[in-house]
């Protein structure tokens, strides 16, 4: 009996080991998650990693320069940069390639919502062991000097799958001459924004709209957050608070003192043409504002006049099919891209804010002569809110802009918006249930 019992135990262990081997396919698919898994302390042989990104123009140029600098410092690592043309194309490529995981890159730019399914199917690498590794990583998340709120925003189901890379927040961009002309102070709250916008519109004999928000989905989400509602399926789109958020903007559009971007996509164009006195837009868009305004007037920047702000831009995620050496090499590259020196270069060349707090708070960054936003950004990101990465949150947030546009377009025509709000609720609820 004892012999039979021992044989049974041995058989069970052997079966377990075989099952584990069969599920993992090969040793390359498991990421370090326990003391049994090891992260190479050095890149001891020539290793190539692939990075999918959506950076174009000057942004791609800056990424190439940083990558060349990294390769020079790490001669054993080759980084293949593969441009996917746009975020939309990048998203589509990731989604379609997930059907053949072996064809996925080592790392990619992405919004966390794009990768909810990938995380659920164990296709991503939990980066915590790499962060805590003192040789390949930093030793801890605190030592990374990456802003904690941004790191949290790159989590999926509580796991640190992403590392923040190219980030921006919203700021208030205003026409200094117009505000002075009409005796308006830079608003610090939404109530002040409304009052200032009405005053400008009325004093300009209805020639200049007072204000507007570039991204309607962000406007709605942050205003609901300020009223105590997190972005989730429990939001009642026709509820009291939701209607208050919608009507704040809709009444302004109806009366002319608020404006939406519409077909122009961004309010920087009417702003440069002095058709709108101020607007809330991305800090990364300031370079376009500067170019559009040229010498026509002086513009200023201020903190978003709301309690919360929302980080925008992508993180870098790692896929599980890579080898142990590729994963280590990729994380060294991520560490390099998010270092103080790299983030200062990246910020000065692209307009994105540094994700590294040492770079963000440095005199070198704050005294930048290229753009004005760095001087006010530290006070503009005290309370950040990120869309929770849960099933269907990405599609629900994406559709919010078109839902709000439909409602505000009706308001612009002077029509009753109740039916448009009800239609918006149907679409919003449908997104969560799909």
Protein backbone atom coordinates (compact mmCIF):
# COMPACT_ATOMS: atom_id res chain seq x y z
CA UNK A 1 0.00 0.00 0.00
CA UNK A 2 2.80 2.39 0.87
CA UNK A 3 4.49 1.68 -2.47
CA UNK A 4 1.24 2.27 -4.37
CA UNK A 5 0.68 5.50 -2.48
CA UNK A 6 4.20 6.73 -3.31
CA UNK A 7 3.77 5.86 -6.99
CA UNK A 8 0.46 7.72 -7.04
CA UNK A 9 2.09 10.82 -5.64
CA UNK A 10 4.96 10.63 -8.17
CA UNK A 11 2.48 10.20 -11.02
CA UNK A 12 0.45 13.18 -9.87
CA UNK A 13 3.53 15.40 -9.69
CA UNK A 14 4.68 14.26 -13.14
CA UNK A 15 1.24 14.93 -14.61
CA UNK A 16 1.23 18.38 -13.05
CA UNK A 17 4.62 19.19 -14.55
CA UNK A 18 3.53 17.99 -17.99
CA UNK A 19 0.35 20.05 -17.80
CA UNK A 20 2.35 23.12 -16.85
CA UNK A 21 4.73 22.61 -19.75
CA UNK A 22 1.84 22.10 -22.15
CA UNK A 23 0.06 25.28 -21.06
CA UNK A 24 3.15 27.46 -21.33
CA UNK A 25 4.13 26.21 -24.80
CA UNK A 26 7.71 27.22 -24.12
CA UNK A 27 9.78 28.94 -21.47
CA UNK A 28 9.53 32.28 -23.22
CA UNK A 29 5.85 32.84 -22.50
CA UNK A 30 6.03 33.16 -18.73
CA UNK A 31 6.97 36.45 -17.09
CA UNK A 32 8.89 36.66 -13.82
CA UNK A 33 6.30 36.61 -11.08
CA UNK A 34 7.89 34.56 -8.32
CA UNK A 35 11.26 33.71 -6.83
CA UNK A 36 11.51 30.71 -9.17
CA UNK A 37 11.50 32.95 -12.26
CA UNK A 38 14.66 34.89 -12.96
CA UNK A 39 15.28 38.20 -14.72
CA UNK A 40 18.65 38.37 -16.49
CA UNK A 41 20.85 40.85 -14.64
CA UNK A 42 22.71 41.76 -17.84
CA UNK A 43 22.08 41.62 -21.57
CA UNK A 44 24.85 39.19 -22.36
CA UNK A 45 24.15 38.59 -26.04
CA UNK A 46 22.88 40.49 -29.07
CA UNK A 47 19.16 41.00 -28.50
CA UNK A 48 16.60 42.61 -30.78
CA UNK A 49 13.33 44.04 -29.48
CA UNK A 50 10.42 45.42 -31.48
CA UNK A 51 8.51 48.56 -30.48
CA UNK A 52 5.19 49.40 -32.14
CA UNK A 53 4.29 53.08 -31.89
CA UNK A 54 2.01 55.73 -33.36
CA UNK A 55 4.41 58.68 -33.37
CA UNK A 56 4.69 60.68 -36.60
CA UNK A 57 6.55 63.77 -37.80
CA UNK A 58 8.68 65.53 -35.16
CA UNK A 59 7.45 63.09 -32.50
CA UNK A 60 8.86 60.14 -34.41
CA UNK A 61 12.07 62.08 -35.02
CA UNK A 62 12.52 62.65 -31.30
CA UNK A 63 11.84 58.96 -30.55
CA UNK A 64 14.44 57.91 -33.12
CA UNK A 65 17.06 60.19 -31.55
CA UNK A 66 16.43 58.82 -28.07
CA UNK A 67 16.52 55.25 -29.39
CA UNK A 68 19.86 55.83 -31.14
CA UNK A 69 21.24 57.21 -27.89
CA UNK A 70 20.01 54.13 -26.01
CA UNK A 71 21.54 51.73 -28.54
CA UNK A 72 24.87 53.53 -28.29
CA UNK A 73 24.82 53.06 -24.50
CA UNK A 74 23.64 49.44 -24.85
CA UNK A 75 25.46 47.93 -27.86
CA UNK A 76 23.96 44.48 -27.26
CA UNK A 77 20.42 45.77 -27.75
CA UNK A 78 18.82 46.62 -31.10
CA UNK A 79 15.45 48.39 -31.05
CA UNK A 80 13.29 47.97 -34.14
CA UNK A 81 10.92 50.94 -34.23
CA UNK A 82 7.80 50.06 -36.24
CA UNK A 83 5.55 53.03 -36.95
CA UNK A 84 1.86 52.12 -37.26
CA UNK A 85 0.95 55.56 -38.72
CA UNK A 86 -1.62 56.62 -36.10
CA UNK A 87 -3.15 55.62 -32.79
CA UNK A 88 -6.19 54.31 -34.61
CA UNK A 89 -4.06 52.12 -36.88
CA UNK A 90 -1.94 51.01 -33.92
CA UNK A 91 -5.05 50.00 -31.99
CA UNK A 92 -6.38 48.03 -34.96
CA UNK A 93 -3.02 46.31 -35.52
CA UNK A 94 -2.75 45.23 -31.88
CA UNK A 95 -6.33 43.94 -31.84
CA UNK A 96 -5.98 41.94 -35.05
CA UNK A 97 -2.56 40.53 -34.15
CA UNK A 98 -3.75 39.25 -30.79
CA UNK A 99 -5.31 36.41 -32.78
CA UNK A 100 -1.72 35.30 -33.55
CA UNK A 101 0.21 36.18 -30.38
CA UNK A 102 3.58 35.07 -31.78
CA UNK A 103 3.40 38.03 -34.19
CA UNK A 104 2.98 40.62 -31.46
CA UNK A 105 5.89 43.01 -30.79
CA UNK A 106 8.03 42.95 -27.66
CA UNK A 107 6.52 46.25 -26.50
CA UNK A 108 3.93 48.70 -27.76
CA UNK A 109 2.44 52.08 -27.07
CA UNK A 110 -1.18 51.71 -26.02
CA UNK A 111 -3.98 53.05 -23.91
CA UNK A 112 -4.81 50.58 -21.11
CA UNK A 113 -8.38 50.21 -22.34
CA UNK A 114 -7.10 48.72 -25.60
CA UNK A 115 -5.50 45.85 -23.73
CA UNK A 116 -8.25 44.74 -21.35
CA UNK A 117 -8.74 41.50 -23.28
CA UNK A 118 -4.98 40.93 -23.60
CA UNK A 119 -4.60 41.24 -19.83
CA UNK A 120 -7.54 38.92 -19.24
CA UNK A 121 -5.94 36.31 -21.53
CA UNK A 122 -2.51 36.56 -19.81
CA UNK A 123 -0.88 38.02 -22.91
CA UNK A 124 0.81 40.89 -21.04
CA UNK A 125 3.79 40.93 -18.71
CA UNK A 126 3.23 42.08 -15.14
CA UNK A 127 6.04 44.63 -14.86
CA UNK A 128 6.20 44.78 -11.07
CA UNK A 129 9.12 42.30 -10.81
CA UNK A 130 11.06 44.38 -13.33
CA UNK A 131 10.29 47.63 -11.50
CA UNK A 132 11.51 46.07 -8.24
CA UNK A 133 14.65 44.59 -9.82
CA UNK A 134 17.59 46.81 -8.84
CA UNK A 135 19.72 45.93 -11.88
CA UNK A 136 17.29 45.96 -14.80
CA UNK A 137 14.72 48.19 -13.10
CA UNK A 138 14.81 50.80 -10.34
CA UNK A 139 14.47 48.72 -7.19
CA UNK A 140 10.98 50.06 -6.43
CA UNK A 141 8.23 52.14 -8.02
CA UNK A 142 9.16 55.04 -5.72
CA UNK A 143 12.74 55.00 -6.98
CA UNK A 144 11.48 55.17 -10.56
CA UNK A 145 10.53 58.83 -9.94
CA UNK A 146 7.45 58.29 -12.12
CA UNK A 147 4.40 60.11 -10.79
CA UNK A 148 2.31 57.61 -8.79
CA UNK A 149 -1.02 58.70 -10.33
CA UNK A 150 0.36 58.05 -13.81
CA UNK A 151 1.65 54.62 -12.82
CA UNK A 152 -1.75 53.75 -11.39
CA UNK A 153 -3.35 54.81 -14.66
CA UNK A 154 -1.28 52.16 -16.47
CA UNK A 155 -2.67 49.35 -14.34
CA UNK A 156 -5.22 46.79 -15.54
CA UNK A 157 -7.14 44.84 -12.90
CA UNK A 158 -4.71 46.10 -10.28
CA UNK A 159 -1.58 44.82 -12.05
CA UNK A 160 1.18 47.10 -13.33
CA UNK A 161 1.17 46.11 -16.97
CA UNK A 162 2.19 49.51 -18.35
CA UNK A 163 4.74 52.25 -17.77
CA UNK A 164 3.67 55.85 -18.61
CA UNK A 165 5.50 57.39 -21.55
CA UNK A 166 4.01 60.22 -23.61
CA UNK A 167 1.58 62.10 -21.42
CA UNK A 168 -0.27 65.38 -21.51
CA UNK A 169 -2.96 67.05 -19.43
CA UNK A 170 -5.47 69.75 -20.25
CA UNK A 171 -4.74 73.41 -19.67
CA UNK A 172 -6.61 76.66 -20.22
CA UNK A 173 -5.25 78.59 -23.20
CA UNK A 174 -6.37 82.21 -23.45
CA UNK A 175 -5.97 85.37 -25.54
CA UNK A 176 -4.31 87.91 -23.22
CA UNK A 177 -5.37 90.94 -25.23
CA UNK A 178 -9.03 89.92 -25.41
CA UNK A 179 -9.27 89.21 -21.70
CA UNK A 180 -7.69 92.58 -20.92
CA UNK A 181 -9.88 94.36 -23.48
CA UNK A 182 -13.09 93.05 -21.93
CA UNK A 183 -11.94 93.28 -18.32
CA UNK A 184 -11.93 89.55 -17.64
CA UNK A 185 -9.65 87.75 -15.20
CA UNK A 186 -8.29 84.29 -15.95
CA UNK A 187 -10.98 81.93 -14.55
CA UNK A 188 -10.09 79.41 -11.86
CA UNK A 189 -13.43 77.59 -11.61
CA UNK A 190 -16.17 76.51 -14.04
CA UNK A 191 -18.45 79.17 -12.55
CA UNK A 192 -15.85 81.84 -13.30
CA UNK A 193 -15.33 80.38 -16.77
CA UNK A 194 -19.03 80.70 -17.55
CA UNK A 195 -19.23 84.27 -16.23
CA UNK A 196 -16.10 85.32 -18.16
CA UNK A 197 -17.31 83.66 -21.37
CA UNK A 198 -20.69 85.43 -21.18
CA UNK A 199 -19.03 88.79 -20.55
CA UNK A 200 -16.68 88.44 -23.52
CA UNK A 201 -19.48 87.33 -25.86
CA UNK A 202 -21.74 90.20 -24.85
CA UNK A 203 -19.05 92.92 -24.86
CA UNK A 204 -17.76 91.79 -28.27
CA UNK A 205 -21.27 92.27 -29.69
CA UNK A 206 -21.53 88.50 -30.16
CA UNK A 207 -18.47 88.37 -32.40
CA UNK A 208 -16.22 86.38 -30.05
CA UNK A 209 -17.28 83.21 -28.26
CA UNK A 210 -16.01 83.15 -24.71
CA UNK A 211 -14.77 79.60 -24.19
CA UNK A 212 -15.00 75.91 -25.02
CA UNK A 213 -13.59 72.44 -24.34
CA UNK A 214 -11.63 70.51 -26.96
CA UNK A 215 -12.48 66.99 -25.76
CA UNK A 216 -16.13 66.62 -24.86
CA UNK A 217 -15.70 63.14 -23.40
CA UNK A 218 -13.12 64.47 -20.96
CA UNK A 219 -15.32 67.45 -20.11
CA UNK A 220 -18.27 65.22 -19.23
CA UNK A 221 -16.23 62.65 -17.31
CA UNK A 222 -14.36 65.14 -15.13
CA UNK A 223 -17.47 67.20 -14.36
CA UNK A 224 -19.29 64.04 -13.32
CA UNK A 225 -16.28 63.07 -11.18
CA UNK A 226 -16.46 66.48 -9.49
CA UNK A 227 -20.08 65.64 -8.60
CA UNK A 228 -19.01 62.36 -7.05
CA UNK A 229 -19.55 59.96 -9.98
CA UNK A 230 -16.79 57.67 -11.19
CA UNK A 231 -16.86 56.70 -14.85
CA UNK A 232 -18.69 53.38 -14.94
CA UNK A 233 -21.91 51.66 -16.02
CA UNK A 234 -23.76 53.04 -12.99
CA UNK A 235 -23.85 56.54 -14.44
CA UNK A 236 -27.43 57.61 -15.20
CA UNK A 237 -27.02 59.71 -18.33
CA UNK A 238 -30.49 61.24 -17.86
CA UNK A 239 -30.02 61.71 -14.12
CA UNK A 240 -29.99 65.05 -12.30
CA UNK A 241 -26.21 65.44 -12.09
CA UNK A 242 -25.66 64.31 -15.66
CA UNK A 243 -28.23 66.78 -16.99
CA UNK A 244 -26.61 69.55 -14.96
CA UNK A 245 -23.23 68.78 -16.56
CA UNK A 246 -24.76 68.65 -20.05
CA UNK A 247 -26.88 71.79 -19.60
CA UNK A 248 -23.92 73.84 -18.34
CA UNK A 249 -22.32 73.45 -21.75
CA UNK A 250 -25.53 73.24 -23.82
CA UNK A 251 -26.92 76.50 -22.46
CA UNK A 252 -23.67 78.24 -23.32
CA UNK A 253 -23.69 76.84 -26.87
CA UNK A 254 -27.33 77.81 -27.29
CA UNK A 255 -26.69 81.37 -26.12
CA UNK A 256 -23.42 81.70 -28.08
CA UNK A 257 -20.84 82.21 -25.33
CA UNK A 258 -19.58 78.61 -25.46
CA UNK A 259 -18.26 76.90 -28.58
CA UNK A 260 -17.49 73.33 -29.68
CA UNK A 261 -14.79 72.30 -32.13
CA UNK A 262 -17.15 70.32 -34.38
CA UNK A 263 -15.74 69.56 -37.82
CA UNK A 264 -12.59 71.57 -37.05
CA UNK A 265 -11.75 68.90 -34.41
CA UNK A 266 -9.74 71.33 -32.29
CA UNK A 267 -10.51 74.83 -31.01
CA UNK A 268 -6.96 76.00 -31.73
CA UNK A 269 -8.04 77.14 -35.22
CA UNK A 270 -10.87 79.53 -34.16
CA UNK A 271 -8.65 80.59 -31.25
CA UNK A 272 -5.85 81.62 -33.64
CA UNK A 273 -8.45 83.49 -35.72
CA UNK A 274 -9.70 85.24 -32.56
CA UNK A 275 -13.18 83.75 -32.87
CA UNK A 276 -12.92 82.34 -29.35
CA UNK A 277 -11.16 83.97 -26.40
CA UNK A 278 -10.07 80.87 -24.48
CA UNK A 279 -10.44 77.13 -24.42
CA UNK A 280 -9.46 74.01 -22.53
CA UNK A 281 -7.15 71.82 -24.58
CA UNK A 282 -4.15 69.50 -24.39
CA UNK A 283 -0.83 70.81 -23.10
CA UNK A 284 0.77 68.84 -25.95
CA UNK A 285 -1.09 71.07 -28.41
CA UNK A 286 0.56 74.29 -27.30
CA UNK A 287 3.15 74.11 -30.08
CA UNK A 288 0.31 74.18 -32.64
CA UNK A 289 -1.24 77.16 -30.83
CA UNK A 290 2.06 79.01 -30.86
CA UNK A 291 2.44 78.41 -34.58
CA UNK A 292 -1.16 79.39 -35.38
CA UNK A 293 -1.11 82.56 -33.30
CA UNK A 294 2.31 83.65 -34.62
CA UNK A 295 2.57 87.40 -34.02
CA UNK A 296 -1.17 88.19 -34.16
CA UNK A 297 -1.57 88.38 -30.37
CA UNK A 298 -0.09 87.11 -27.13
CA UNK A 299 -1.54 83.96 -25.65
CA UNK A 300 -1.32 82.75 -22.08
CA UNK A 301 -1.79 79.43 -20.31
CA UNK A 302 -3.31 78.58 -16.94
CA UNK A 303 -4.42 75.56 -14.95
CA UNK A 304 -7.59 73.79 -16.10
CA UNK A 305 -10.35 75.60 -14.15
CA UNK A 306 -11.65 72.43 -12.53
CA UNK A 307 -10.95 70.26 -9.50
CA UNK A 308 -9.73 67.27 -11.53
CA UNK A 309 -7.57 66.80 -14.60
CA UNK A 310 -7.15 63.75 -16.80
CA UNK A 311 -3.82 62.43 -18.07
CA UNK A 312 -3.89 61.73 -21.79
CA UNK A 313 -1.45 59.91 -24.03
CA UNK A 314 -0.17 56.35 -23.99
CA UNK A 315 1.83 53.96 -21.85
CA UNK A 316 4.28 51.22 -22.90
CA UNK A 317 3.18 47.59 -22.48
CA UNK A 318 5.12 44.34 -22.88
CA UNK A 319 3.79 41.14 -24.43
CA UNK A 320 4.35 37.73 -22.91
CA UNK A 321 5.65 35.85 -25.97
CA UNK A 322 9.07 37.55 -25.76
CA UNK A 323 12.12 35.69 -24.44
CA UNK A 324 13.53 36.44 -20.97
CA UNK A 325 16.44 38.34 -22.54
CA UNK A 326 14.09 40.38 -24.75
CA UNK A 327 11.92 41.28 -21.77
CA UNK A 328 14.93 42.45 -19.78
CA UNK A 329 16.28 44.42 -22.75
CA UNK A 330 12.87 45.99 -23.37
CA UNK A 331 12.57 47.07 -19.76
CA UNK A 332 16.03 48.66 -19.86
CA UNK A 333 14.78 50.62 -22.87
CA UNK A 334 11.60 51.66 -21.04
CA UNK A 335 13.72 52.71 -18.06
CA UNK A 336 15.89 54.80 -20.37
CA UNK A 337 12.90 56.50 -22.05
CA UNK A 338 11.41 57.49 -18.69
CA UNK A 339 14.65 58.74 -17.12
CA UNK A 340 15.01 62.40 -16.15
CA UNK A 341 17.42 63.16 -19.00
CA UNK A 342 15.31 61.44 -21.67
CA UNK A 343 12.05 62.96 -20.44
CA UNK A 344 13.54 66.46 -20.48
CA UNK A 345 14.59 65.98 -24.10
CA UNK A 346 11.25 64.38 -25.01
CA UNK A 347 9.25 67.17 -23.35
CA UNK A 348 11.24 69.98 -24.95
CA UNK A 349 10.99 68.43 -28.41
CA UNK A 350 7.35 67.26 -28.34
CA UNK A 351 5.33 69.27 -25.83
CA UNK A 352 4.43 66.22 -23.74
CA UNK A 353 4.83 66.58 -19.98
CA UNK A 354 7.61 64.63 -18.26
CA UNK A 355 6.32 61.51 -16.50
CA UNK A 356 9.49 61.64 -14.40
CA UNK A 357 8.90 63.91 -11.38
CA UNK A 358 12.54 64.99 -11.21
CA UNK A 359 12.25 66.27 -14.78
CA UNK A 360 8.79 67.77 -14.16
CA UNK A 361 9.94 69.75 -11.13
CA UNK A 362 13.33 70.76 -12.52
CA UNK A 363 14.22 74.39 -13.18
CA UNK A 364 15.37 73.35 -16.64
CA UNK A 365 11.84 72.23 -17.52
CA UNK A 366 9.92 75.00 -15.75
CA UNK A 367 12.07 77.70 -17.36
CA UNK A 368 11.59 76.33 -20.87
CA UNK A 369 11.48 79.06 -23.49
CA UNK A 370 9.93 76.86 -26.15
CA UNK A 371 6.45 76.73 -24.57
CA UNK A 372 4.63 78.27 -21.60
CA UNK A 373 2.83 75.28 -20.08
CA UNK A 374 5.78 73.95 -18.00
CA UNK A 375 5.52 76.90 -15.61
CA UNK A 376 1.99 75.99 -14.52
CA UNK A 377 1.85 72.20 -14.95
CA UNK A 378 2.93 71.20 -11.44
CA UNK A 379 -0.14 72.98 -10.02
CA UNK A 380 -2.31 71.56 -12.78
CA UNK A 381 -1.83 67.86 -12.01
CA UNK A 382 -2.45 67.66 -8.27
CA UNK A 383 -5.68 65.68 -8.68
CA UNK A 384 -5.62 63.33 -11.63
CA UNK A 385 -8.45 61.03 -12.62
CA UNK A 386 -7.98 58.13 -15.02
CA UNK A 387 -10.71 56.12 -16.74
CA UNK A 388 -10.95 52.74 -14.93
CA UNK A 389 -9.90 49.83 -17.14
CA UNK A 390 -12.91 47.55 -17.00
CA UNK A 391 -14.90 45.73 -19.64
CA UNK A 392 -16.29 48.15 -22.27
CA UNK A 393 -15.03 51.32 -20.52
CA UNK A 394 -12.87 52.18 -23.54
CA UNK A 395 -15.75 52.07 -26.05
CA UNK A 396 -18.10 53.90 -23.66
CA UNK A 397 -15.60 56.73 -23.22
CA UNK A 398 -14.79 56.86 -26.95
CA UNK A 399 -18.46 57.30 -27.85
CA UNK A 400 -19.00 60.07 -25.32
CA UNK A 401 -17.61 62.73 -27.64
CA UNK A 402 -20.02 61.91 -30.48
CA UNK A 403 -22.90 61.66 -27.98
CA UNK A 404 -22.09 65.10 -26.58
CA UNK A 405 -21.59 66.54 -30.06
CA UNK A 406 -25.08 65.39 -31.07
CA UNK A 407 -26.60 67.00 -28.00
CA UNK A 408 -24.70 70.27 -28.30
CA UNK A 409 -25.41 70.49 -32.03
CA UNK A 410 -29.12 70.47 -31.21
CA UNK A 411 -28.53 73.16 -28.59
CA UNK A 412 -26.70 75.30 -31.17
CA UNK A 413 -29.82 75.17 -33.36
CA UNK A 414 -31.98 76.28 -30.45
CA UNK A 415 -33.75 72.93 -30.27
CA UNK A 416 -34.91 71.15 -27.13
CA UNK A 417 -32.18 68.67 -26.18
CA UNK A 418 -34.21 66.22 -24.07
CA UNK A 419 -34.64 63.72 -26.90
CA UNK A 420 -30.93 63.97 -27.75
CA UNK A 421 -30.04 63.25 -24.11
CA UNK A 422 -32.33 60.19 -24.11
CA UNK A 423 -30.71 58.98 -27.33
CA UNK A 424 -27.33 59.56 -25.71
CA UNK A 425 -28.35 57.46 -22.73
CA UNK A 426 -29.40 54.60 -25.02
CA UNK A 427 -26.03 54.66 -26.77
CA UNK A 428 -24.05 55.07 -23.54
CA UNK A 429 -25.86 52.18 -21.82
CA UNK A 430 -25.52 50.01 -24.93
CA UNK A 431 -21.75 50.52 -24.95
CA UNK A 432 -21.49 49.15 -21.43
CA UNK A 433 -23.68 46.13 -22.16
CA UNK A 434 -22.16 44.99 -25.48
